[in-house]
Amino acid sequence: MSNEQKYLINCQEGASNIERATISFILAVTSSKTSETAVFITSDAVNLCLIDGADGLVAEGYEPIANLIRDFVTNGGKIWICPACIKAKNIPAENLIEGAEVAGAPRTMAFLASGAKVLV
């Protein structure tokens, strides 16, 4: 097992609570600079990961979330979209941003079992 730290962030907030979503991605960007990091996207947050879905969304006093998502992916961060969530919203996988992939509970649980710590 590697000594490198791994982090998992569960982001379920989207445009309806952009401040909380932004904070999730601030954590993600910061941890992805030095550690393997994945964000598990569920519920309303799925819409942030649609092409142009985060454009124009800015919590007062924070950096635009689209910039944070881009920086996270650039740092090598992984975005895992809940398959049940995109199915419930009738979103085809090809509508997701670059760097996002459909990956459910088994991938997330395996990541945790490999030593990832949850950041909330």
PDB file of N, CA and C in Angstrom:
ATOM      1  N   MET A   1       0.843  -1.184   0.000  1.00  0.00           N
ATOM      2  CA  MET A   1       0.000   0.000   0.000  1.00  0.00           C
ATOM      3  C   MET A   1       0.887   1.245   0.000  1.00  0.00           C
ATOM      4  N   SER A   2       0.521   2.240  -0.768  1.00  0.00           N
ATOM      5  CA  SER A   2       1.274   3.473  -0.902  1.00  0.00           C
ATOM      6  C   SER A   2       1.123   4.341   0.341  1.00  0.00           C
ATOM      7  N   ASN A   3       2.166   5.122   0.626  1.00  0.00           N
ATOM      8  CA  ASN A   3       2.112   6.068   1.739  1.00  0.00           C
ATOM      9  C   ASN A   3       1.487   7.391   1.324  1.00  0.00           C
ATOM     10  N   GLU A   4       1.248   7.563   0.033  1.00  0.00           N
ATOM     11  CA  GLU A   4       0.642   8.805  -0.447  1.00  0.00           C
ATOM     12  C   GLU A   4      -0.781   8.929   0.090  1.00  0.00           C
ATOM     13  N   GLN A   5      -1.107  10.123   0.534  1.00  0.00           N
ATOM     14  CA  GLN A   5      -2.460  10.394   1.013  1.00  0.00           C
ATOM     15  C   GLN A   5      -3.435  10.409  -0.158  1.00  0.00           C
ATOM     16  N   LYS A   6      -4.638   9.950   0.099  1.00  0.00           N
ATOM     17  CA  LYS A   6      -5.723   9.975  -0.877  1.00  0.00           C
ATOM     18  C   LYS A   6      -6.921  10.607  -0.194  1.00  0.00           C
ATOM     19  N   TYR A   7      -7.671  11.393  -0.965  1.00  0.00           N
ATOM     20  CA  TYR A   7      -8.838  12.065  -0.404  1.00  0.00           C
ATOM     21  C   TYR A   7     -10.053  11.896  -1.300  1.00  0.00           C
ATOM     22  N   LEU A   8     -11.207  11.762  -0.661  1.00  0.00           N
ATOM     23  CA  LEU A   8     -12.491  11.689  -1.349  1.00  0.00           C
ATOM     24  C   LEU A   8     -13.378  12.794  -0.800  1.00  0.00           C
ATOM     25  N   ILE A   9     -13.966  13.558  -1.697  1.00  0.00           N
ATOM     26  CA  ILE A   9     -14.919  14.596  -1.332  1.00  0.00           C
ATOM     27  C   ILE A   9     -16.248  14.241  -1.976  1.00  0.00           C
ATOM     28  N   ASN A  10     -17.301  14.224  -1.190  1.00  0.00           N
ATOM     29  CA  ASN A  10     -18.646  13.998  -1.733  1.00  0.00           C
ATOM     30  C   ASN A  10     -19.294  15.361  -1.929  1.00  0.00           C
ATOM     31  N   CYS A  11     -19.596  15.693  -3.163  1.00  0.00           N
ATOM     32  CA  CYS A  11     -20.244  16.960  -3.472  1.00  0.00           C
ATOM     33  C   CYS A  11     -21.652  16.659  -3.960  1.00  0.00           C
ATOM     34  N   GLN A  12     -22.638  17.117  -3.203  1.00  0.00           N
ATOM     35  CA  GLN A  12     -24.024  16.895  -3.600  1.00  0.00           C
ATOM     36  C   GLN A  12     -24.778  18.188  -3.875  1.00  0.00           C
ATOM     37  N   GLU A  13     -24.153  19.320  -3.575  1.00  0.00           N
ATOM     38  CA  GLU A  13     -24.799  20.616  -3.781  1.00  0.00           C
ATOM     39  C   GLU A  13     -24.454  21.163  -5.156  1.00  0.00           C
ATOM     40  N   GLY A  14     -25.406  21.854  -5.742  1.00  0.00           N
ATOM     41  CA  GLY A  14     -25.194  22.477  -7.038  1.00  0.00           C
ATOM     42  C   GLY A  14     -25.560  23.944  -6.986  1.00  0.00           C
ATOM     43  N   ALA A  15     -26.225  24.422  -8.020  1.00  0.00           N
ATOM     44  CA  ALA A  15     -26.568  25.839  -8.123  1.00  0.00           C
ATOM     45  C   ALA A  15     -27.458  26.309  -6.972  1.00  0.00           C
ATOM     46  N   SER A  16     -28.235  25.405  -6.389  1.00  0.00           N
ATOM     47  CA  SER A  16     -29.131  25.804  -5.296  1.00  0.00           C
ATOM     48  C   SER A  16     -28.372  26.144  -4.015  1.00  0.00           C
ATOM     49  N   ASN A  17     -27.128  25.663  -3.890  1.00  0.00           N
ATOM     50  CA  ASN A  17     -26.276  26.035  -2.760  1.00  0.00           C
ATOM     51  C   ASN A  17     -24.840  26.105  -3.278  1.00  0.00           C
ATOM     52  N   ILE A  18     -24.596  27.122  -4.092  1.00  0.00           N
ATOM     53  CA  ILE A  18     -23.315  27.222  -4.789  1.00  0.00           C
ATOM     54  C   ILE A  18     -22.156  27.448  -3.816  1.00  0.00           C
ATOM     55  N   GLU A  19     -22.442  28.044  -2.663  1.00  0.00           N
ATOM     56  CA  GLU A  19     -21.359  28.238  -1.687  1.00  0.00           C
ATOM     57  C   GLU A  19     -20.834  26.888  -1.192  1.00  0.00           C
ATOM     58  N   ARG A  20     -21.707  25.998  -0.821  1.00  0.00           N
ATOM     59  CA  ARG A  20     -21.269  24.671  -0.354  1.00  0.00           C
ATOM     60  C   ARG A  20     -20.554  23.903  -1.463  1.00  0.00           C
ATOM     61  N   ALA A  21     -21.077  23.983  -2.679  1.00  0.00           N
ATOM     62  CA  ALA A  21     -20.424  23.309  -3.805  1.00  0.00           C
ATOM     63  C   ALA A  21     -19.030  23.883  -4.033  1.00  0.00           C
ATOM     64  N   THR A  22     -18.921  25.186  -3.937  1.00  0.00           N
ATOM     65  CA  THR A  22     -17.632  25.856  -4.129  1.00  0.00           C
ATOM     66  C   THR A  22     -16.631  25.396  -3.075  1.00  0.00           C
ATOM     67  N   ILE A  23     -17.065  25.315  -1.832  1.00  0.00           N
ATOM     68  CA  ILE A  23     -16.176  24.874  -0.757  1.00  0.00           C
ATOM     69  C   ILE A  23     -15.698  23.442  -1.014  1.00  0.00           C
ATOM     70  N   SER A  24     -16.584  22.582  -1.520  1.00  0.00           N
ATOM     71  CA  SER A  24     -16.165  21.216  -1.868  1.00  0.00           C
ATOM     72  C   SER A  24     -15.035  21.239  -2.881  1.00  0.00           C
ATOM     73  N   PHE A  25     -15.139  22.110  -3.878  1.00  0.00           N
ATOM     74  CA  PHE A  25     -14.105  22.149  -4.912  1.00  0.00           C
ATOM     75  C   PHE A  25     -12.862  22.905  -4.459  1.00  0.00           C
ATOM     76  N   ILE A  26     -12.978  23.818  -3.506  1.00  0.00           N
ATOM     77  CA  ILE A  26     -11.779  24.427  -2.919  1.00  0.00           C
ATOM     78  C   ILE A  26     -10.968  23.340  -2.213  1.00  0.00           C
ATOM     79  N   LEU A  27     -11.649  22.505  -1.424  1.00  0.00           N
ATOM     80  CA  LEU A  27     -10.971  21.373  -0.779  1.00  0.00           C
ATOM     81  C   LEU A  27     -10.335  20.461  -1.824  1.00  0.00           C
ATOM     82  N   ALA A  28     -11.079  20.174  -2.878  1.00  0.00           N
ATOM     83  CA  ALA A  28     -10.599  19.270  -3.921  1.00  0.00           C
ATOM     84  C   ALA A  28      -9.368  19.816  -4.625  1.00  0.00           C
ATOM     85  N   VAL A  29      -9.398  21.086  -4.984  1.00  0.00           N
ATOM     86  CA  VAL A  29      -8.248  21.693  -5.665  1.00  0.00           C
ATOM     87  C   VAL A  29      -7.032  21.659  -4.755  1.00  0.00           C
ATOM     88  N   THR A  30      -7.220  22.032  -3.511  1.00  0.00           N
ATOM     89  CA  THR A  30      -6.101  22.069  -2.572  1.00  0.00           C
ATOM     90  C   THR A  30      -5.494  20.691  -2.377  1.00  0.00           C
ATOM     91  N   SER A  31      -6.321  19.682  -2.138  1.00  0.00           N
ATOM     92  CA  SER A  31      -5.780  18.340  -1.902  1.00  0.00           C
ATOM     93  C   SER A  31      -5.185  17.734  -3.164  1.00  0.00           C
ATOM     94  N   SER A  32      -5.721  18.084  -4.329  1.00  0.00           N
ATOM     95  CA  SER A  32      -5.216  17.500  -5.578  1.00  0.00           C
ATOM     96  C   SER A  32      -3.843  18.042  -5.972  1.00  0.00           C
ATOM     97  N   LYS A  33      -3.413  19.100  -5.331  1.00  0.00           N
ATOM     98  CA  LYS A  33      -2.073  19.633  -5.616  1.00  0.00           C
ATOM     99  C   LYS A  33      -0.982  18.691  -5.122  1.00  0.00           C
ATOM    100  N   THR A  34      -1.290  17.932  -4.070  1.00  0.00           N
ATOM    101  CA  THR A  34      -0.269  17.068  -3.468  1.00  0.00           C
ATOM    102  C   THR A  34      -0.694  15.611  -3.313  1.00  0.00           C
ATOM    103  N   SER A  35      -1.984  15.324  -3.521  1.00  0.00           N
ATOM    104  CA  SER A  35      -2.498  13.992  -3.212  1.00  0.00           C
ATOM    105  C   SER A  35      -3.493  13.529  -4.262  1.00  0.00           C
ATOM    106  N   GLU A  36      -3.627  12.214  -4.367  1.00  0.00           N
ATOM    107  CA  GLU A  36      -4.656  11.638  -5.234  1.00  0.00           C
ATOM    108  C   GLU A  36      -6.013  12.005  -4.646  1.00  0.00           C
ATOM    109  N   THR A  37      -6.856  12.624  -5.461  1.00  0.00           N
ATOM    110  CA  THR A  37      -8.143  13.132  -4.962  1.00  0.00           C
ATOM    111  C   THR A  37      -9.250  12.820  -5.953  1.00  0.00           C
ATOM    112  N   ALA A  38     -10.398  12.413  -5.404  1.00  0.00           N
ATOM    113  CA  ALA A  38     -11.595  12.178  -6.211  1.00  0.00           C
ATOM    114  C   ALA A  38     -12.755  12.924  -5.584  1.00  0.00           C
ATOM    115  N   VAL A  39     -13.624  13.436  -6.442  1.00  0.00           N
ATOM    116  CA  VAL A  39     -14.875  14.042  -5.993  1.00  0.00           C
ATOM    117  C   VAL A  39     -16.000  13.157  -6.509  1.00  0.00           C
ATOM    118  N   PHE A  40     -16.818  12.665  -5.578  1.00  0.00           N
ATOM    119  CA  PHE A  40     -17.993  11.876  -5.942  1.00  0.00           C
ATOM    120  C   PHE A  40     -19.159  12.842  -6.029  1.00  0.00           C
ATOM    121  N   ILE A  41     -19.718  12.965  -7.213  1.00  0.00           N
ATOM    122  CA  ILE A  41     -20.769  13.933  -7.528  1.00  0.00           C
ATOM    123  C   ILE A  41     -22.122  13.239  -7.476  1.00  0.00           C
ATOM    124  N   THR A  42     -23.013  13.777  -6.643  1.00  0.00           N
ATOM    125  CA  THR A  42     -24.357  13.220  -6.505  1.00  0.00           C
ATOM    126  C   THR A  42     -25.385  14.346  -6.539  1.00  0.00           C
ATOM    127  N   SER A  43     -26.635  13.955  -6.623  1.00  0.00           N
ATOM    128  CA  SER A  43     -27.783  14.871  -6.502  1.00  0.00           C
ATOM    129  C   SER A  43     -27.656  16.080  -7.425  1.00  0.00           C
ATOM    130  N   ASP A  44     -27.909  17.264  -6.877  1.00  0.00           N
ATOM    131  CA  ASP A  44     -27.925  18.513  -7.641  1.00  0.00           C
ATOM    132  C   ASP A  44     -26.556  18.854  -8.235  1.00  0.00           C
ATOM    133  N   ALA A  45     -25.481  18.357  -7.630  1.00  0.00           N
ATOM    134  CA  ALA A  45     -24.135  18.664  -8.113  1.00  0.00           C
ATOM    135  C   ALA A  45     -23.880  18.121  -9.514  1.00  0.00           C
ATOM    136  N   VAL A  46     -24.648  17.123  -9.928  1.00  0.00           N
ATOM    137  CA  VAL A  46     -24.473  16.561 -11.272  1.00  0.00           C
ATOM    138  C   VAL A  46     -24.553  17.662 -12.331  1.00  0.00           C
ATOM    139  N   ASN A  47     -25.431  18.605 -12.140  1.00  0.00           N
ATOM    140  CA  ASN A  47     -25.606  19.679 -13.128  1.00  0.00           C
ATOM    141  C   ASN A  47     -24.358  20.543 -13.285  1.00  0.00           C
ATOM    142  N   LEU A  48     -23.518  20.625 -12.252  1.00  0.00           N
ATOM    143  CA  LEU A  48     -22.269  21.383 -12.344  1.00  0.00           C
ATOM    144  C   LEU A  48     -21.301  20.745 -13.322  1.00  0.00           C
ATOM    145  N   CYS A  49     -21.458  19.456 -13.541  1.00  0.00           N
ATOM    146  CA  CYS A  49     -20.525  18.707 -14.376  1.00  0.00           C
ATOM    147  C   CYS A  49     -21.020  18.507 -15.803  1.00  0.00           C
ATOM    148  N   LEU A  50     -22.089  19.194 -16.147  1.00  0.00           N
ATOM    149  CA  LEU A  50     -22.536  19.218 -17.536  1.00  0.00           C
ATOM    150  C   LEU A  50     -21.699  20.241 -18.290  1.00  0.00           C
ATOM    151  N   ILE A  51     -21.514  20.033 -19.578  1.00  0.00           N
ATOM    152  CA  ILE A  51     -20.807  21.014 -20.394  1.00  0.00           C
ATOM    153  C   ILE A  51     -21.519  22.352 -20.215  1.00  0.00           C
ATOM    154  N   ASP A  52     -20.781  23.371 -19.814  1.00  0.00           N
ATOM    155  CA  ASP A  52     -21.271  24.723 -19.528  1.00  0.00           C
ATOM    156  C   ASP A  52     -22.173  24.790 -18.292  1.00  0.00           C
ATOM    157  N   GLY A  53     -22.295  23.703 -17.537  1.00  0.00           N
ATOM    158  CA  GLY A  53     -23.201  23.664 -16.394  1.00  0.00           C
ATOM    159  C   GLY A  53     -22.781  24.525 -15.218  1.00  0.00           C
ATOM    160  N   ALA A  54     -21.492  24.794 -15.084  1.00  0.00           N
ATOM    161  CA  ALA A  54     -21.008  25.610 -13.970  1.00  0.00           C
ATOM    162  C   ALA A  54     -20.735  27.054 -14.388  1.00  0.00           C
ATOM    163  N   ASP A  55     -20.878  27.332 -15.675  1.00  0.00           N
ATOM    164  CA  ASP A  55     -20.577  28.672 -16.170  1.00  0.00           C
ATOM    165  C   ASP A  55     -21.459  29.718 -15.502  1.00  0.00           C
ATOM    166  N   GLY A  56     -20.833  30.786 -15.035  1.00  0.00           N
ATOM    167  CA  GLY A  56     -21.557  31.898 -14.447  1.00  0.00           C
ATOM    168  C   GLY A  56     -21.973  31.699 -12.997  1.00  0.00           C
ATOM    169  N   LEU A  57     -21.670  30.550 -12.407  1.00  0.00           N
ATOM    170  CA  LEU A  57     -22.049  30.293 -11.016  1.00  0.00           C
ATOM    171  C   LEU A  57     -20.911  30.712 -10.091  1.00  0.00           C
ATOM    172  N   VAL A  58     -21.195  31.708  -9.267  1.00  0.00           N
ATOM    173  CA  VAL A  58     -20.185  32.245  -8.364  1.00  0.00           C
ATOM    174  C   VAL A  58     -20.836  32.548  -7.022  1.00  0.00           C
ATOM    175  N   ALA A  59     -20.309  31.942  -5.967  1.00  0.00           N
ATOM    176  CA  ALA A  59     -20.763  32.296  -4.627  1.00  0.00           C
ATOM    177  C   ALA A  59     -20.077  33.606  -4.244  1.00  0.00           C
ATOM    178  N   GLU A  60     -20.809  34.485  -3.618  1.00  0.00           N
ATOM    179  CA  GLU A  60     -20.270  35.796  -3.268  1.00  0.00           C
ATOM    180  C   GLU A  60     -18.992  35.652  -2.442  1.00  0.00           C
ATOM    181  N   GLY A  61     -17.938  36.306  -2.926  1.00  0.00           N
ATOM    182  CA  GLY A  61     -16.661  36.290  -2.224  1.00  0.00           C
ATOM    183  C   GLY A  61     -15.745  35.144  -2.607  1.00  0.00           C
ATOM    184  N   TYR A  62     -16.195  34.268  -3.496  1.00  0.00           N
ATOM    185  CA  TYR A  62     -15.410  33.100  -3.894  1.00  0.00           C
ATOM    186  C   TYR A  62     -15.041  33.168  -5.370  1.00  0.00           C
ATOM    187  N   GLU A  63     -14.081  32.341  -5.739  1.00  0.00           N
ATOM    188  CA  GLU A  63     -13.721  32.176  -7.145  1.00  0.00           C
ATOM    189  C   GLU A  63     -14.850  31.443  -7.868  1.00  0.00           C
ATOM    190  N   PRO A  64     -15.064  31.723  -9.150  1.00  0.00           N
ATOM    191  CA  PRO A  64     -16.096  30.987  -9.894  1.00  0.00           C
ATOM    192  C   PRO A  64     -15.859  29.471  -9.828  1.00  0.00           C
ATOM    193  N   ILE A  65     -16.922  28.733  -9.607  1.00  0.00           N
ATOM    194  CA  ILE A  65     -16.774  27.279  -9.454  1.00  0.00           C
ATOM    195  C   ILE A  65     -16.279  26.623 -10.738  1.00  0.00           C
ATOM    196  N   ALA A  66     -16.597  27.177 -11.889  1.00  0.00           N
ATOM    197  CA  ALA A  66     -16.099  26.613 -13.150  1.00  0.00           C
ATOM    198  C   ALA A  66     -14.567  26.624 -13.164  1.00  0.00           C
ATOM    199  N   ASN A  67     -13.957  27.679 -12.628  1.00  0.00           N
ATOM    200  CA  ASN A  67     -12.492  27.755 -12.559  1.00  0.00           C
ATOM    201  C   ASN A  67     -11.937  26.683 -11.620  1.00  0.00           C
ATOM    202  N   LEU A  68     -12.610  26.497 -10.487  1.00  0.00           N
ATOM    203  CA  LEU A  68     -12.152  25.497  -9.522  1.00  0.00           C
ATOM    204  C   LEU A  68     -12.246  24.084 -10.098  1.00  0.00           C
ATOM    205  N   ILE A  69     -13.335  23.802 -10.768  1.00  0.00           N
ATOM    206  CA  ILE A  69     -13.504  22.481 -11.385  1.00  0.00           C
ATOM    207  C   ILE A  69     -12.407  22.254 -12.430  1.00  0.00           C
ATOM    208  N   ARG A  70     -12.164  23.257 -13.254  1.00  0.00           N
ATOM    209  CA  ARG A  70     -11.107  23.161 -14.275  1.00  0.00           C
ATOM    210  C   ARG A  70      -9.750  22.929 -13.621  1.00  0.00           C
ATOM    211  N   ASP A  71      -9.431  23.690 -12.569  1.00  0.00           N
ATOM    212  CA  ASP A  71      -8.146  23.535 -11.886  1.00  0.00           C
ATOM    213  C   ASP A  71      -8.011  22.147 -11.267  1.00  0.00           C
ATOM    214  N   PHE A  72      -9.096  21.643 -10.703  1.00  0.00           N
ATOM    215  CA  PHE A  72      -9.080  20.312 -10.103  1.00  0.00           C
ATOM    216  C   PHE A  72      -8.739  19.247 -11.145  1.00  0.00           C
ATOM    217  N   VAL A  73      -9.405  19.298 -12.279  1.00  0.00           N
ATOM    218  CA  VAL A  73      -9.144  18.323 -13.348  1.00  0.00           C
ATOM    219  C   VAL A  73      -7.714  18.490 -13.883  1.00  0.00           C
ATOM    220  N   THR A  74      -7.262  19.730 -14.026  1.00  0.00           N
ATOM    221  CA  THR A  74      -5.899  19.990 -14.485  1.00  0.00           C
ATOM    222  C   THR A  74      -4.869  19.403 -13.534  1.00  0.00           C
ATOM    223  N   ASN A  75      -5.170  19.432 -12.240  1.00  0.00           N
ATOM    224  CA  ASN A  75      -4.274  18.856 -11.224  1.00  0.00           C
ATOM    225  C   ASN A  75      -4.294  17.329 -11.219  1.00  0.00           C
ATOM    226  N   GLY A  76      -5.124  16.717 -12.049  1.00  0.00           N
ATOM    227  CA  GLY A  76      -5.223  15.263 -12.082  1.00  0.00           C
ATOM    228  C   GLY A  76      -6.331  14.705 -11.205  1.00  0.00           C
ATOM    229  N   GLY A  77      -7.172  15.596 -10.683  1.00  0.00           N
ATOM    230  CA  GLY A  77      -8.287  15.151  -9.858  1.00  0.00           C
ATOM    231  C   GLY A  77      -9.293  14.352 -10.668  1.00  0.00           C
ATOM    232  N   LYS A  78      -9.959  13.437  -9.980  1.00  0.00           N
ATOM    233  CA  LYS A  78     -10.951  12.580 -10.629  1.00  0.00           C
ATOM    234  C   LYS A  78     -12.350  13.022 -10.220  1.00  0.00           C
ATOM    235  N   ILE A  79     -13.225  13.147 -11.199  1.00  0.00           N
ATOM    236  CA  ILE A  79     -14.627  13.460 -10.939  1.00  0.00           C
ATOM    237  C   ILE A  79     -15.440  12.230 -11.290  1.00  0.00           C
ATOM    238  N   TRP A  80     -16.086  11.682 -10.277  1.00  0.00           N
ATOM    239  CA  TRP A  80     -16.915  10.491 -10.451  1.00  0.00           C
ATOM    240  C   TRP A  80     -18.377  10.877 -10.282  1.00  0.00           C
ATOM    241  N   ILE A  81     -19.157  10.660 -11.328  1.00  0.00           N
ATOM    242  CA  ILE A  81     -20.568  11.009 -11.343  1.00  0.00           C
ATOM    243  C   ILE A  81     -21.404   9.786 -10.965  1.00  0.00           C
ATOM    244  N   CYS A  82     -22.301   9.977 -10.035  1.00  0.00           N
ATOM    245  CA  CYS A  82     -23.206   8.914  -9.595  1.00  0.00           C
ATOM    246  C   CYS A  82     -24.068   8.442 -10.769  1.00  0.00           C
ATOM    247  N   PRO A  83     -23.996   7.155 -11.125  1.00  0.00           N
ATOM    248  CA  PRO A  83     -24.780   6.676 -12.263  1.00  0.00           C
ATOM    249  C   PRO A  83     -26.287   6.758 -12.033  1.00  0.00           C
ATOM    250  N   ALA A  84     -26.743   6.517 -10.817  1.00  0.00           N
ATOM    251  CA  ALA A  84     -28.179   6.622 -10.536  1.00  0.00           C
ATOM    252  C   ALA A  84     -28.655   8.059 -10.691  1.00  0.00           C
ATOM    253  N   CYS A  85     -27.794   9.008 -10.331  1.00  0.00           N
ATOM    254  CA  CYS A  85     -28.171  10.428 -10.392  1.00  0.00           C
ATOM    255  C   CYS A  85     -28.327  10.910 -11.839  1.00  0.00           C
ATOM    256  N   ILE A  86     -27.392  10.522 -12.715  1.00  0.00           N
ATOM    257  CA  ILE A  86     -27.551  10.986 -14.101  1.00  0.00           C
ATOM    258  C   ILE A  86     -28.695  10.252 -14.785  1.00  0.00           C
ATOM    259  N   LYS A  87     -28.933   9.015 -14.387  1.00  0.00           N
ATOM    260  CA  LYS A  87     -30.065   8.286 -14.949  1.00  0.00           C
ATOM    261  C   LYS A  87     -31.375   8.949 -14.533  1.00  0.00           C
ATOM    262  N   ALA A  88     -31.487   9.316 -13.258  1.00  0.00           N
ATOM    263  CA  ALA A  88     -32.705   9.956 -12.757  1.00  0.00           C
ATOM    264  C   ALA A  88     -32.964  11.292 -13.445  1.00  0.00           C
ATOM    265  N   LYS A  89     -31.885  11.963 -13.860  1.00  0.00           N
ATOM    266  CA  LYS A  89     -32.005  13.261 -14.523  1.00  0.00           C
ATOM    267  C   LYS A  89     -31.994  13.139 -16.051  1.00  0.00           C
ATOM    268  N   ASN A  90     -31.956  11.902 -16.554  1.00  0.00           N
ATOM    269  CA  ASN A  90     -31.926  11.645 -18.005  1.00  0.00           C
ATOM    270  C   ASN A  90     -30.785  12.374 -18.706  1.00  0.00           C
ATOM    271  N   ILE A  91     -29.606  12.308 -18.099  1.00  0.00           N
ATOM    272  CA  ILE A  91     -28.431  12.977 -18.656  1.00  0.00           C
ATOM    273  C   ILE A  91     -27.544  11.935 -19.322  1.00  0.00           C
ATOM    274  N   PRO A  92     -27.298  12.083 -20.619  1.00  0.00           N
ATOM    275  CA  PRO A  92     -26.368  11.158 -21.277  1.00  0.00           C
ATOM    276  C   PRO A  92     -24.924  11.486 -20.887  1.00  0.00           C
ATOM    277  N   ALA A  93     -24.097  10.465 -20.753  1.00  0.00           N
ATOM    278  CA  ALA A  93     -22.706  10.643 -20.334  1.00  0.00           C
ATOM    279  C   ALA A  93     -21.940  11.590 -21.253  1.00  0.00           C
ATOM    280  N   GLU A  94     -22.313  11.641 -22.526  1.00  0.00           N
ATOM    281  CA  GLU A  94     -21.585  12.529 -23.445  1.00  0.00           C
ATOM    282  C   GLU A  94     -21.841  14.016 -23.162  1.00  0.00           C
ATOM    283  N   ASN A  95     -22.785  14.328 -22.288  1.00  0.00           N
ATOM    284  CA  ASN A  95     -23.043  15.721 -21.906  1.00  0.00           C
ATOM    285  C   ASN A  95     -22.192  16.168 -20.721  1.00  0.00           C
ATOM    286  N   LEU A  96     -21.353  15.264 -20.195  1.00  0.00           N
ATOM    287  CA  LEU A  96     -20.514  15.601 -19.051  1.00  0.00           C
ATOM    288  C   LEU A  96     -19.235  16.290 -19.500  1.00  0.00           C
ATOM    289  N   ILE A  97     -18.684  17.102 -18.605  1.00  0.00           N
ATOM    290  CA  ILE A  97     -17.441  17.809 -18.902  1.00  0.00           C
ATOM    291  C   ILE A  97     -16.278  16.836 -19.047  1.00  0.00           C
ATOM    292  N   GLU A  98     -15.236  17.307 -19.700  1.00  0.00           N
ATOM    293  CA  GLU A  98     -14.010  16.524 -19.817  1.00  0.00           C
ATOM    294  C   GLU A  98     -13.450  16.303 -18.418  1.00  0.00           C
ATOM    295  N   GLY A  99     -13.028  15.087 -18.155  1.00  0.00           N
ATOM    296  CA  GLY A  99     -12.481  14.754 -16.845  1.00  0.00           C
ATOM    297  C   GLY A  99     -13.489  14.114 -15.909  1.00  0.00           C
ATOM    298  N   ALA A 100     -14.762  14.150 -16.278  1.00  0.00           N
ATOM    299  CA  ALA A 100     -15.802  13.519 -15.456  1.00  0.00           C
ATOM    300  C   ALA A 100     -16.137  12.157 -16.048  1.00  0.00           C
ATOM    301  N   GLU A 101     -16.345  11.196 -15.184  1.00  0.00           N
ATOM    302  CA  GLU A 101     -16.742   9.874 -15.649  1.00  0.00           C
ATOM    303  C   GLU A 101     -17.829   9.317 -14.742  1.00  0.00           C
ATOM    304  N   VAL A 102     -18.630   8.464 -15.308  1.00  0.00           N
ATOM    305  CA  VAL A 102     -19.685   7.813 -14.538  1.00  0.00           C
ATOM    306  C   VAL A 102     -19.033   6.686 -13.741  1.00  0.00           C
ATOM    307  N   ALA A 103     -19.129   6.793 -12.424  1.00  0.00           N
ATOM    308  CA  ALA A 103     -18.531   5.791 -11.535  1.00  0.00           C
ATOM    309  C   ALA A 103     -19.308   5.820 -10.231  1.00  0.00           C
ATOM    310  N   GLY A 104     -19.819   4.690  -9.848  1.00  0.00           N
ATOM    311  CA  GLY A 104     -20.707   4.649  -8.706  1.00  0.00           C
ATOM    312  C   GLY A 104     -20.077   4.199  -7.410  1.00  0.00           C
ATOM    313  N   ALA A 105     -20.933   3.658  -6.569  1.00  0.00           N
ATOM    314  CA  ALA A 105     -20.543   3.249  -5.222  1.00  0.00           C
ATOM    315  C   ALA A 105     -19.393   2.236  -5.209  1.00  0.00           C
ATOM    316  N   PRO A 106     -19.361   1.241  -6.101  1.00  0.00           N
ATOM    317  CA  PRO A 106     -18.250   0.286  -6.033  1.00  0.00           C
ATOM    318  C   PRO A 106     -16.879   0.961  -6.187  1.00  0.00           C
ATOM    319  N   ARG A 107     -16.737   1.879  -7.135  1.00  0.00           N
ATOM    320  CA  ARG A 107     -15.463   2.584  -7.329  1.00  0.00           C
ATOM    321  C   ARG A 107     -15.145   3.436  -6.104  1.00  0.00           C
ATOM    322  N   THR A 108     -16.160   4.126  -5.603  1.00  0.00           N
ATOM    323  CA  THR A 108     -15.973   4.990  -4.442  1.00  0.00           C
ATOM    324  C   THR A 108     -15.576   4.180  -3.214  1.00  0.00           C
ATOM    325  N   MET A 109     -16.244   3.071  -2.992  1.00  0.00           N
ATOM    326  CA  MET A 109     -15.943   2.230  -1.836  1.00  0.00           C
ATOM    327  C   MET A 109     -14.552   1.602  -1.949  1.00  0.00           C
ATOM    328  N   ALA A 110     -14.163   1.228  -3.150  1.00  0.00           N
ATOM    329  CA  ALA A 110     -12.824   0.669  -3.358  1.00  0.00           C
ATOM    330  C   ALA A 110     -11.757   1.731  -3.078  1.00  0.00           C
ATOM    331  N   PHE A 111     -12.016   2.964  -3.470  1.00  0.00           N
ATOM    332  CA  PHE A 111     -11.083   4.066  -3.216  1.00  0.00           C
ATOM    333  C   PHE A 111     -10.928   4.279  -1.710  1.00  0.00           C
ATOM    334  N   LEU A 112     -12.043   4.248  -0.998  1.00  0.00           N
ATOM    335  CA  LEU A 112     -11.987   4.374   0.463  1.00  0.00           C
ATOM    336  C   LEU A 112     -11.236   3.197   1.088  1.00  0.00           C
ATOM    337  N   ALA A 113     -11.499   2.002   0.591  1.00  0.00           N
ATOM    338  CA  ALA A 113     -10.834   0.801   1.123  1.00  0.00           C
ATOM    339  C   ALA A 113      -9.326   0.843   0.871  1.00  0.00           C
ATOM    340  N   SER A 114      -8.910   1.576  -0.167  1.00  0.00           N
ATOM    341  CA  SER A 114      -7.475   1.678  -0.473  1.00  0.00           C
ATOM    342  C   SER A 114      -6.768   2.708   0.399  1.00  0.00           C
ATOM    343  N   GLY A 115      -7.516   3.330   1.300  1.00  0.00           N
ATOM    344  CA  GLY A 115      -6.888   4.254   2.243  1.00  0.00           C
ATOM    345  C   GLY A 115      -7.296   5.699   2.110  1.00  0.00           C
ATOM    346  N   ALA A 116      -8.211   6.019   1.206  1.00  0.00           N
ATOM    347  CA  ALA A 116      -8.630   7.410   1.046  1.00  0.00           C
ATOM    348  C   ALA A 116      -9.366   7.892   2.288  1.00  0.00           C
ATOM    349  N   LYS A 117      -9.138   9.153   2.607  1.00  0.00           N
ATOM    350  CA  LYS A 117      -9.834   9.800   3.720  1.00  0.00           C
ATOM    351  C   LYS A 117     -10.916  10.699   3.143  1.00  0.00           C
ATOM    352  N   VAL A 118     -12.027  10.788   3.858  1.00  0.00           N
ATOM    353  CA  VAL A 118     -13.146  11.602   3.408  1.00  0.00           C
ATOM    354  C   VAL A 118     -12.984  13.019   3.938  1.00  0.00           C
ATOM    355  N   LEU A 119     -13.077  13.993   3.043  1.00  0.00           N
ATOM    356  CA  LEU A 119     -13.111  15.404   3.428  1.00  0.00           C
ATOM    357  C   LEU A 119     -14.531  15.901   3.244  1.00  0.00           C
ATOM    358  N   VAL A 120     -15.064  16.536   4.249  1.00  0.00           N
ATOM    359  CA  VAL A 120     -16.445  17.061   4.157  1.00  0.00           C
ATOM    360  C   VAL A 120     -16.478  18.539   4.427  1.00  0.00           C
TER     361      VAL A 120
END
